[in-house]
């Protein structure tokens, strides 16, 4: 039987020289790999009281929605601009080379709601912090940030995400 780590493909020099890209699509294109990933993510939430999972576009959807289904929780999409049909709140954040924005429906979170943020990979933490800001602006509480993979040596947990409960199923160096 393969371990979850066996489904992650490491691709050197993508998207540019010096980057070791951790590709999670090997997990997704295997029924066994996807099942294993959802079960491992669910174990990370054992005993945690929460109301919904907010998944970040796009791979956060691919793991967050089946996880929400498995745990009988609601799923809240955090999307790129212009993709949501109702009134939205938005948060911009800096990337290594430029900036980006994420949006959430303005009525997606009720005050006091306990939310788990889900994405496939934690690198520098900018996207996760922006998504957490949206949840908090709507009155929700981020009770956990959960990732399939964390690039631990990039320091997001200690810098941008300090103060949050951050967890990942797998940890790899980012370089």
N, C-alpha and C. Protein backbone atom coordinates (compact mmCIF):
# COMPACT_ATOMS: atom_id res chain seq x y z
N UNK A 1 0.84 -1.18 0.00
CA UNK A 1 0.00 0.00 0.00
C UNK A 1 0.89 1.25 0.00
N UNK A 2 0.55 2.21 -0.86
CA UNK A 2 1.31 3.45 -0.95
C UNK A 2 0.93 4.39 0.19
N UNK A 3 1.90 5.20 0.61
CA UNK A 3 1.60 6.24 1.59
C UNK A 3 1.18 7.49 0.83
N UNK A 4 0.57 8.42 1.53
CA UNK A 4 0.12 9.65 0.89
C UNK A 4 1.30 10.39 0.26
N UNK A 5 2.43 10.38 0.91
CA UNK A 5 3.63 11.04 0.39
C UNK A 5 4.02 10.50 -0.98
N UNK A 6 3.75 9.22 -1.23
CA UNK A 6 4.09 8.61 -2.51
C UNK A 6 3.32 9.21 -3.69
N UNK A 7 2.19 9.86 -3.41
CA UNK A 7 1.37 10.44 -4.47
C UNK A 7 1.78 11.88 -4.82
N UNK A 8 2.65 12.48 -4.02
CA UNK A 8 3.13 13.84 -4.28
C UNK A 8 4.33 13.75 -5.21
N UNK A 9 4.28 14.46 -6.32
CA UNK A 9 5.37 14.44 -7.29
C UNK A 9 6.18 15.73 -7.13
N UNK A 10 7.48 15.59 -6.95
CA UNK A 10 8.36 16.75 -6.84
C UNK A 10 8.95 17.06 -8.21
N UNK A 11 8.75 18.30 -8.67
CA UNK A 11 9.18 18.71 -10.00
C UNK A 11 10.20 19.84 -9.85
N UNK A 12 11.47 19.56 -10.18
CA UNK A 12 12.48 20.60 -10.04
C UNK A 12 12.34 21.70 -11.10
N UNK A 13 12.70 22.92 -10.70
CA UNK A 13 12.76 24.07 -11.59
C UNK A 13 11.43 24.43 -12.23
N UNK A 14 10.35 24.26 -11.48
CA UNK A 14 9.02 24.68 -11.94
C UNK A 14 8.37 25.52 -10.85
N UNK A 15 7.82 26.65 -11.14
CA UNK A 15 7.64 27.28 -12.45
C UNK A 15 8.84 28.06 -12.94
N UNK A 16 9.90 28.11 -12.14
CA UNK A 16 11.13 28.78 -12.58
C UNK A 16 12.32 28.09 -11.92
N UNK A 17 13.52 28.31 -12.44
CA UNK A 17 14.71 27.66 -11.88
C UNK A 17 14.86 27.91 -10.38
N UNK A 18 15.24 26.87 -9.68
CA UNK A 18 15.47 26.95 -8.24
C UNK A 18 14.27 26.58 -7.38
N UNK A 19 13.11 26.43 -8.00
CA UNK A 19 11.90 26.06 -7.26
C UNK A 19 11.69 24.55 -7.40
N UNK A 20 11.42 23.90 -6.28
CA UNK A 20 11.06 22.48 -6.29
C UNK A 20 9.56 22.41 -6.03
N UNK A 21 8.79 22.23 -7.09
CA UNK A 21 7.34 22.27 -7.03
C UNK A 21 6.80 20.94 -6.49
N UNK A 22 5.91 21.02 -5.51
CA UNK A 22 5.28 19.82 -4.94
C UNK A 22 3.88 19.69 -5.55
N UNK A 23 3.73 18.78 -6.48
CA UNK A 23 2.51 18.62 -7.26
C UNK A 23 1.57 17.63 -6.58
N UNK A 24 0.39 18.14 -6.17
CA UNK A 24 -0.60 17.29 -5.48
C UNK A 24 -1.57 16.60 -6.44
N UNK A 25 -1.44 16.86 -7.75
CA UNK A 25 -2.40 16.24 -8.67
C UNK A 25 -2.25 14.72 -8.71
N UNK A 26 -1.10 14.20 -8.30
CA UNK A 26 -0.95 12.75 -8.18
C UNK A 26 -1.89 12.16 -7.14
N UNK A 27 -2.22 12.94 -6.12
CA UNK A 27 -3.20 12.52 -5.11
C UNK A 27 -4.59 12.49 -5.73
N UNK A 28 -4.89 13.51 -6.51
CA UNK A 28 -6.23 13.66 -7.08
C UNK A 28 -6.56 12.65 -8.16
N UNK A 29 -5.58 12.25 -8.95
CA UNK A 29 -5.89 11.34 -10.05
C UNK A 29 -5.85 9.86 -9.65
N UNK A 30 -5.74 9.61 -8.37
CA UNK A 30 -5.79 8.25 -7.86
C UNK A 30 -6.94 8.13 -6.86
N UNK A 31 -7.84 7.22 -7.10
CA UNK A 31 -8.93 7.01 -6.15
C UNK A 31 -8.42 6.70 -4.76
N UNK A 32 -7.40 5.86 -4.68
CA UNK A 32 -6.83 5.51 -3.38
C UNK A 32 -6.13 6.70 -2.75
N UNK A 33 -5.40 7.47 -3.55
CA UNK A 33 -4.70 8.64 -3.03
C UNK A 33 -5.65 9.70 -2.50
N UNK A 34 -6.72 9.96 -3.24
CA UNK A 34 -7.70 10.95 -2.81
C UNK A 34 -8.41 10.49 -1.54
N UNK A 35 -8.78 9.22 -1.50
CA UNK A 35 -9.42 8.67 -0.29
C UNK A 35 -8.49 8.80 0.92
N UNK A 36 -7.25 8.46 0.73
CA UNK A 36 -6.26 8.54 1.81
C UNK A 36 -6.10 10.00 2.27
N UNK A 37 -6.04 10.93 1.32
CA UNK A 37 -5.89 12.35 1.68
C UNK A 37 -7.06 12.84 2.51
N UNK A 38 -8.29 12.54 2.08
CA UNK A 38 -9.47 13.01 2.80
C UNK A 38 -9.52 12.39 4.19
N UNK A 39 -9.19 11.12 4.31
CA UNK A 39 -9.19 10.47 5.63
C UNK A 39 -8.13 11.08 6.54
N UNK A 40 -6.93 11.36 6.01
CA UNK A 40 -5.87 11.98 6.82
C UNK A 40 -6.26 13.39 7.25
N UNK A 41 -6.87 14.16 6.34
CA UNK A 41 -7.33 15.50 6.69
C UNK A 41 -8.42 15.43 7.76
N UNK A 42 -9.34 14.49 7.62
CA UNK A 42 -10.41 14.34 8.61
C UNK A 42 -9.84 14.01 9.99
N UNK A 43 -8.81 13.19 10.05
CA UNK A 43 -8.17 12.86 11.33
C UNK A 43 -7.60 14.11 12.00
N UNK A 44 -7.10 15.04 11.21
CA UNK A 44 -6.55 16.28 11.76
C UNK A 44 -7.64 17.14 12.42
N UNK A 45 -8.90 16.86 12.10
CA UNK A 45 -10.01 17.64 12.66
C UNK A 45 -10.77 16.88 13.74
N UNK A 46 -10.33 15.66 14.07
CA UNK A 46 -10.99 14.89 15.12
C UNK A 46 -11.09 15.70 16.41
N UNK A 47 -12.29 15.78 16.97
CA UNK A 47 -12.52 16.45 18.24
C UNK A 47 -12.63 17.96 18.16
N UNK A 48 -12.42 18.54 17.00
CA UNK A 48 -12.51 19.99 16.84
C UNK A 48 -13.95 20.39 16.56
N UNK A 49 -14.45 21.35 17.32
CA UNK A 49 -15.80 21.88 17.09
C UNK A 49 -15.72 23.00 16.07
N UNK A 50 -16.45 22.85 14.96
CA UNK A 50 -16.49 23.90 13.95
C UNK A 50 -17.76 23.75 13.12
N UNK A 51 -18.08 24.83 12.39
CA UNK A 51 -19.33 24.88 11.64
C UNK A 51 -19.17 24.66 10.14
N UNK A 52 -18.05 25.11 9.58
CA UNK A 52 -17.89 25.06 8.13
C UNK A 52 -16.42 25.01 7.76
N UNK A 53 -16.18 24.60 6.52
CA UNK A 53 -14.84 24.61 5.94
C UNK A 53 -14.84 25.64 4.82
N UNK A 54 -13.89 26.56 4.86
CA UNK A 54 -13.71 27.53 3.78
C UNK A 54 -12.51 27.07 2.97
N UNK A 55 -12.74 26.78 1.69
CA UNK A 55 -11.68 26.31 0.82
C UNK A 55 -11.25 27.38 -0.16
N UNK A 56 -9.95 27.49 -0.35
CA UNK A 56 -9.38 28.51 -1.23
C UNK A 56 -9.23 27.95 -2.64
N UNK A 57 -9.69 28.74 -3.61
CA UNK A 57 -9.63 28.36 -5.02
C UNK A 57 -8.19 28.11 -5.44
N UNK A 58 -7.90 27.13 -6.20
CA UNK A 58 -8.84 26.14 -6.66
C UNK A 58 -8.62 24.79 -5.98
N UNK A 59 -7.39 24.50 -5.63
CA UNK A 59 -7.15 23.17 -5.05
C UNK A 59 -7.69 23.03 -3.64
N UNK A 60 -7.90 24.14 -2.95
CA UNK A 60 -8.58 24.07 -1.65
C UNK A 60 -10.01 23.58 -1.80
N UNK A 61 -10.61 23.82 -2.99
CA UNK A 61 -11.94 23.28 -3.28
C UNK A 61 -11.88 21.76 -3.40
N UNK A 62 -10.82 21.28 -4.08
CA UNK A 62 -10.71 19.86 -4.41
C UNK A 62 -10.54 18.99 -3.18
N UNK A 63 -9.98 19.55 -2.12
CA UNK A 63 -9.84 18.81 -0.87
C UNK A 63 -10.87 19.26 0.16
N UNK A 64 -11.20 20.53 0.18
CA UNK A 64 -12.13 21.06 1.17
C UNK A 64 -13.56 20.60 1.00
N UNK A 65 -14.04 20.55 -0.24
CA UNK A 65 -15.44 20.13 -0.46
C UNK A 65 -15.67 18.66 -0.08
N UNK A 66 -14.83 17.73 -0.52
CA UNK A 66 -15.06 16.35 -0.07
C UNK A 66 -14.85 16.17 1.43
N UNK A 67 -13.96 16.96 2.01
CA UNK A 67 -13.76 16.89 3.46
C UNK A 67 -15.01 17.39 4.19
N UNK A 68 -15.58 18.50 3.71
CA UNK A 68 -16.82 19.02 4.30
C UNK A 68 -17.93 17.99 4.17
N UNK A 69 -18.04 17.37 3.02
CA UNK A 69 -19.04 16.32 2.79
C UNK A 69 -18.83 15.16 3.78
N UNK A 70 -17.58 14.71 3.88
CA UNK A 70 -17.25 13.59 4.78
C UNK A 70 -17.62 13.90 6.23
N UNK A 71 -17.46 15.18 6.65
CA UNK A 71 -17.71 15.57 8.04
C UNK A 71 -19.08 16.22 8.24
N UNK A 72 -19.89 16.27 7.18
CA UNK A 72 -21.23 16.85 7.23
C UNK A 72 -21.22 18.31 7.68
N UNK A 73 -20.30 19.05 7.07
CA UNK A 73 -20.17 20.49 7.34
C UNK A 73 -20.44 21.26 6.06
N UNK A 74 -20.76 22.54 6.21
CA UNK A 74 -20.92 23.39 5.05
C UNK A 74 -19.57 23.70 4.43
N UNK A 75 -19.60 24.07 3.15
CA UNK A 75 -18.39 24.44 2.43
C UNK A 75 -18.55 25.86 1.89
N UNK A 76 -17.56 26.71 2.16
CA UNK A 76 -17.58 28.10 1.74
C UNK A 76 -16.44 28.33 0.76
N UNK A 77 -16.76 28.70 -0.48
CA UNK A 77 -15.68 28.95 -1.44
C UNK A 77 -15.05 30.33 -1.26
N UNK A 78 -13.73 30.36 -1.28
CA UNK A 78 -12.94 31.59 -1.29
C UNK A 78 -12.36 31.65 -2.69
N UNK A 79 -12.78 32.67 -3.47
CA UNK A 79 -12.52 32.66 -4.91
C UNK A 79 -11.68 33.83 -5.37
N UNK A 80 -11.20 33.70 -6.59
CA UNK A 80 -10.56 34.80 -7.29
C UNK A 80 -11.63 35.83 -7.65
N UNK A 81 -11.25 37.07 -7.88
CA UNK A 81 -12.24 38.13 -8.14
C UNK A 81 -13.14 37.85 -9.35
N UNK A 82 -14.40 38.28 -9.20
CA UNK A 82 -15.34 38.21 -10.30
C UNK A 82 -16.01 36.87 -10.52
N UNK A 83 -15.84 35.92 -9.63
CA UNK A 83 -16.39 34.57 -9.82
C UNK A 83 -17.65 34.29 -9.00
N UNK A 84 -17.92 35.11 -7.99
CA UNK A 84 -19.07 34.88 -7.12
C UNK A 84 -20.23 35.80 -7.51
N UNK A 85 -21.46 35.28 -7.56
CA UNK A 85 -22.58 36.05 -8.11
C UNK A 85 -23.24 37.04 -7.16
N UNK A 86 -23.08 36.90 -5.86
CA UNK A 86 -23.74 37.80 -4.92
C UNK A 86 -22.74 38.84 -4.40
N UNK A 87 -23.20 39.68 -3.50
CA UNK A 87 -22.32 40.68 -2.89
C UNK A 87 -21.14 39.97 -2.21
N UNK A 88 -19.95 40.55 -2.33
CA UNK A 88 -18.74 39.93 -1.81
C UNK A 88 -17.98 40.88 -0.91
N UNK A 89 -17.10 40.29 -0.10
CA UNK A 89 -16.04 41.02 0.57
C UNK A 89 -14.75 40.55 -0.08
N UNK A 90 -13.77 41.43 -0.15
CA UNK A 90 -12.53 41.06 -0.82
C UNK A 90 -11.33 41.48 0.01
N UNK A 91 -10.24 40.75 -0.21
CA UNK A 91 -9.00 41.04 0.49
C UNK A 91 -7.85 40.87 -0.50
N UNK A 92 -7.03 41.89 -0.62
CA UNK A 92 -5.83 41.80 -1.45
C UNK A 92 -4.64 41.48 -0.58
N UNK A 93 -3.63 40.90 -1.19
CA UNK A 93 -2.42 40.54 -0.46
C UNK A 93 -1.24 40.52 -1.42
N UNK A 94 -0.06 40.61 -0.86
CA UNK A 94 1.16 40.64 -1.66
C UNK A 94 1.67 39.24 -1.94
N UNK A 95 2.14 39.08 -3.16
CA UNK A 95 2.83 37.87 -3.58
C UNK A 95 4.31 38.20 -3.71
N UNK A 96 5.11 37.19 -3.99
CA UNK A 96 6.54 37.43 -4.15
C UNK A 96 6.79 38.45 -5.26
N UNK A 97 6.02 38.35 -6.35
CA UNK A 97 6.16 39.28 -7.47
C UNK A 97 4.78 39.78 -7.87
N UNK A 98 4.23 40.73 -7.11
CA UNK A 98 2.94 41.29 -7.45
C UNK A 98 1.95 41.17 -6.31
N UNK A 99 0.68 41.12 -6.66
CA UNK A 99 -0.36 41.00 -5.65
C UNK A 99 -1.51 40.17 -6.19
N UNK A 100 -2.40 39.78 -5.31
CA UNK A 100 -3.57 38.99 -5.68
C UNK A 100 -4.72 39.39 -4.76
N UNK A 101 -5.90 38.94 -5.10
CA UNK A 101 -7.10 39.24 -4.33
C UNK A 101 -7.95 37.98 -4.24
N UNK A 102 -8.58 37.79 -3.08
CA UNK A 102 -9.57 36.73 -2.91
C UNK A 102 -10.88 37.35 -2.45
N UNK A 103 -11.98 36.65 -2.75
CA UNK A 103 -13.31 37.13 -2.38
C UNK A 103 -14.13 36.00 -1.76
N UNK A 104 -15.12 36.42 -0.99
CA UNK A 104 -16.05 35.49 -0.35
C UNK A 104 -17.42 36.18 -0.36
N UNK A 105 -18.49 35.41 -0.49
CA UNK A 105 -19.81 36.02 -0.38
C UNK A 105 -19.94 36.74 0.95
N UNK A 106 -20.51 37.93 0.93
CA UNK A 106 -20.64 38.76 2.13
C UNK A 106 -21.53 38.12 3.19
N UNK A 107 -22.38 37.17 2.78
CA UNK A 107 -23.26 36.50 3.73
C UNK A 107 -22.83 35.06 4.02
N UNK A 108 -21.61 34.70 3.65
CA UNK A 108 -21.14 33.31 3.79
C UNK A 108 -20.88 32.91 5.23
N UNK A 109 -20.51 33.87 6.06
CA UNK A 109 -20.15 33.61 7.45
C UNK A 109 -21.11 34.36 8.36
N UNK A 110 -21.62 33.68 9.36
CA UNK A 110 -22.44 34.32 10.37
C UNK A 110 -21.56 34.67 11.57
N UNK A 111 -21.85 35.79 12.25
CA UNK A 111 -21.03 36.15 13.42
C UNK A 111 -20.94 34.99 14.42
N UNK A 112 -19.73 34.74 14.86
CA UNK A 112 -19.49 33.67 15.82
C UNK A 112 -19.28 32.30 15.20
N UNK A 113 -19.46 32.17 13.92
CA UNK A 113 -19.29 30.87 13.26
C UNK A 113 -17.82 30.43 13.34
N UNK A 114 -17.61 29.15 13.61
CA UNK A 114 -16.29 28.55 13.74
C UNK A 114 -15.90 27.94 12.40
N UNK A 115 -14.78 28.37 11.83
CA UNK A 115 -14.42 28.01 10.46
C UNK A 115 -13.03 27.39 10.41
N UNK A 116 -12.91 26.33 9.62
CA UNK A 116 -11.62 25.73 9.27
C UNK A 116 -11.28 26.22 7.87
N UNK A 117 -10.08 26.77 7.69
CA UNK A 117 -9.61 27.15 6.37
C UNK A 117 -8.83 25.99 5.77
N UNK A 118 -9.11 25.69 4.50
CA UNK A 118 -8.49 24.54 3.84
C UNK A 118 -7.86 24.96 2.53
N UNK A 119 -6.61 24.56 2.33
CA UNK A 119 -5.96 24.71 1.04
C UNK A 119 -5.02 23.53 0.84
N UNK A 120 -4.58 23.34 -0.38
CA UNK A 120 -3.74 22.19 -0.66
C UNK A 120 -2.33 22.34 -0.12
N UNK A 121 -1.79 23.59 -0.21
CA UNK A 121 -0.38 23.76 0.11
C UNK A 121 -0.14 25.08 0.82
N UNK A 122 0.66 25.04 1.86
CA UNK A 122 1.08 26.24 2.58
C UNK A 122 2.53 26.54 2.19
N UNK A 123 2.73 27.70 1.56
CA UNK A 123 4.08 28.15 1.22
C UNK A 123 4.40 29.38 2.07
N UNK A 124 4.12 30.57 1.58
CA UNK A 124 4.44 31.79 2.34
C UNK A 124 3.29 32.26 3.21
N UNK A 125 2.09 31.75 3.00
CA UNK A 125 0.96 32.06 3.88
C UNK A 125 0.12 33.25 3.49
N UNK A 126 0.45 33.92 2.39
CA UNK A 126 -0.30 35.11 1.99
C UNK A 126 -1.76 34.84 1.69
N UNK A 127 -2.02 33.80 0.94
CA UNK A 127 -3.40 33.46 0.59
C UNK A 127 -4.19 33.05 1.82
N UNK A 128 -3.60 32.23 2.67
CA UNK A 128 -4.29 31.78 3.89
C UNK A 128 -4.61 32.96 4.80
N UNK A 129 -3.67 33.88 4.95
CA UNK A 129 -3.90 35.06 5.79
C UNK A 129 -5.02 35.93 5.21
N UNK A 130 -5.04 36.10 3.90
CA UNK A 130 -6.10 36.89 3.26
C UNK A 130 -7.46 36.23 3.47
N UNK A 131 -7.54 34.91 3.32
CA UNK A 131 -8.80 34.19 3.54
C UNK A 131 -9.24 34.31 5.00
N UNK A 132 -8.30 34.20 5.93
CA UNK A 132 -8.63 34.35 7.35
C UNK A 132 -9.16 35.74 7.64
N UNK A 133 -8.58 36.75 7.02
CA UNK A 133 -9.04 38.12 7.20
C UNK A 133 -10.48 38.27 6.75
N UNK A 134 -10.85 37.63 5.65
CA UNK A 134 -12.24 37.68 5.18
C UNK A 134 -13.19 37.05 6.20
N UNK A 135 -12.84 35.87 6.69
CA UNK A 135 -13.67 35.19 7.69
C UNK A 135 -13.85 36.09 8.90
N UNK A 136 -12.78 36.67 9.37
CA UNK A 136 -12.82 37.51 10.58
C UNK A 136 -13.58 38.81 10.35
N UNK A 137 -13.46 39.40 9.17
CA UNK A 137 -14.22 40.62 8.87
C UNK A 137 -15.72 40.37 8.90
N UNK A 138 -16.12 39.15 8.59
CA UNK A 138 -17.54 38.80 8.62
C UNK A 138 -17.99 38.32 10.00
N UNK A 139 -17.09 38.33 10.99
CA UNK A 139 -17.45 37.96 12.35
C UNK A 139 -17.20 36.51 12.70
N UNK A 140 -16.58 35.75 11.80
CA UNK A 140 -16.28 34.35 12.08
C UNK A 140 -14.95 34.20 12.79
N UNK A 141 -14.72 33.00 13.30
CA UNK A 141 -13.47 32.66 13.98
C UNK A 141 -12.78 31.54 13.22
N UNK A 142 -11.52 31.75 12.89
CA UNK A 142 -10.74 30.71 12.23
C UNK A 142 -10.18 29.82 13.33
N UNK A 143 -10.73 28.61 13.44
CA UNK A 143 -10.32 27.71 14.52
C UNK A 143 -9.16 26.80 14.10
N UNK A 144 -8.91 26.70 12.80
CA UNK A 144 -7.78 25.91 12.30
C UNK A 144 -7.55 26.26 10.84
N UNK A 145 -6.27 26.24 10.46
CA UNK A 145 -5.88 26.31 9.06
C UNK A 145 -5.28 24.95 8.73
N UNK A 146 -5.83 24.30 7.73
CA UNK A 146 -5.44 22.93 7.42
C UNK A 146 -4.96 22.84 5.97
N UNK A 147 -3.83 22.17 5.79
CA UNK A 147 -3.22 22.03 4.47
C UNK A 147 -2.84 20.57 4.25
N UNK A 148 -2.89 20.14 3.01
CA UNK A 148 -2.40 18.80 2.70
C UNK A 148 -0.87 18.80 2.83
N UNK A 149 -0.22 19.85 2.30
CA UNK A 149 1.24 19.94 2.29
C UNK A 149 1.66 21.29 2.86
N UNK A 150 2.68 21.28 3.70
CA UNK A 150 3.31 22.51 4.19
C UNK A 150 4.77 22.51 3.77
N UNK A 151 5.21 23.62 3.18
CA UNK A 151 6.63 23.83 2.90
C UNK A 151 7.20 24.53 4.14
N UNK A 152 7.67 23.71 5.07
CA UNK A 152 7.95 24.18 6.43
C UNK A 152 9.06 25.20 6.52
N UNK A 153 10.03 25.14 5.64
CA UNK A 153 11.17 26.04 5.79
C UNK A 153 10.92 27.44 5.22
N UNK A 154 9.73 27.69 4.69
CA UNK A 154 9.41 29.04 4.21
C UNK A 154 8.88 29.92 5.33
N UNK A 155 8.59 29.33 6.50
CA UNK A 155 8.31 30.10 7.70
C UNK A 155 6.95 30.75 7.81
N UNK A 156 5.98 30.36 7.01
CA UNK A 156 4.65 30.99 7.07
C UNK A 156 3.99 30.84 8.43
N UNK A 157 4.15 29.69 9.03
CA UNK A 157 3.54 29.39 10.32
C UNK A 157 4.01 30.38 11.40
N UNK A 158 5.29 30.71 11.36
CA UNK A 158 5.88 31.59 12.36
C UNK A 158 5.72 33.07 12.03
N UNK A 159 5.53 33.39 10.77
CA UNK A 159 5.46 34.81 10.39
C UNK A 159 4.01 35.23 10.13
N UNK A 160 3.53 35.06 8.93
CA UNK A 160 2.19 35.54 8.57
C UNK A 160 1.07 34.88 9.35
N UNK A 161 1.27 33.63 9.76
CA UNK A 161 0.16 32.88 10.37
C UNK A 161 0.35 32.66 11.87
N UNK A 162 1.27 33.38 12.49
CA UNK A 162 1.43 33.22 13.94
C UNK A 162 0.12 33.62 14.62
N UNK A 163 -0.26 32.89 15.62
CA UNK A 163 -1.52 33.14 16.31
C UNK A 163 -2.66 32.25 15.82
N UNK A 164 -2.44 31.57 14.71
CA UNK A 164 -3.45 30.63 14.20
C UNK A 164 -3.01 29.20 14.49
N UNK A 165 -3.98 28.31 14.61
CA UNK A 165 -3.70 26.87 14.71
C UNK A 165 -3.50 26.36 13.29
N UNK A 166 -2.26 26.09 12.93
CA UNK A 166 -1.90 25.66 11.57
C UNK A 166 -1.49 24.20 11.63
N UNK A 167 -2.02 23.41 10.69
CA UNK A 167 -1.68 21.99 10.65
C UNK A 167 -1.60 21.53 9.20
N UNK A 168 -0.80 20.51 8.96
CA UNK A 168 -0.65 19.93 7.63
C UNK A 168 -0.45 18.43 7.77
N UNK A 169 -0.92 17.71 6.77
CA UNK A 169 -0.74 16.26 6.76
C UNK A 169 0.70 15.91 6.43
N UNK A 170 1.28 16.58 5.42
CA UNK A 170 2.64 16.31 4.99
C UNK A 170 3.47 17.58 5.08
N UNK A 171 4.75 17.43 5.40
CA UNK A 171 5.67 18.57 5.46
C UNK A 171 6.90 18.27 4.61
N UNK A 172 7.23 19.24 3.77
CA UNK A 172 8.40 19.14 2.90
C UNK A 172 9.19 20.42 2.99
N UNK A 173 10.50 20.37 2.70
CA UNK A 173 11.22 21.63 2.54
C UNK A 173 10.75 22.32 1.26
N UNK A 174 10.81 23.63 1.26
CA UNK A 174 10.35 24.38 0.09
C UNK A 174 11.42 24.64 -0.93
N UNK A 175 12.65 24.33 -0.60
CA UNK A 175 13.75 24.59 -1.54
C UNK A 175 14.45 23.30 -1.92
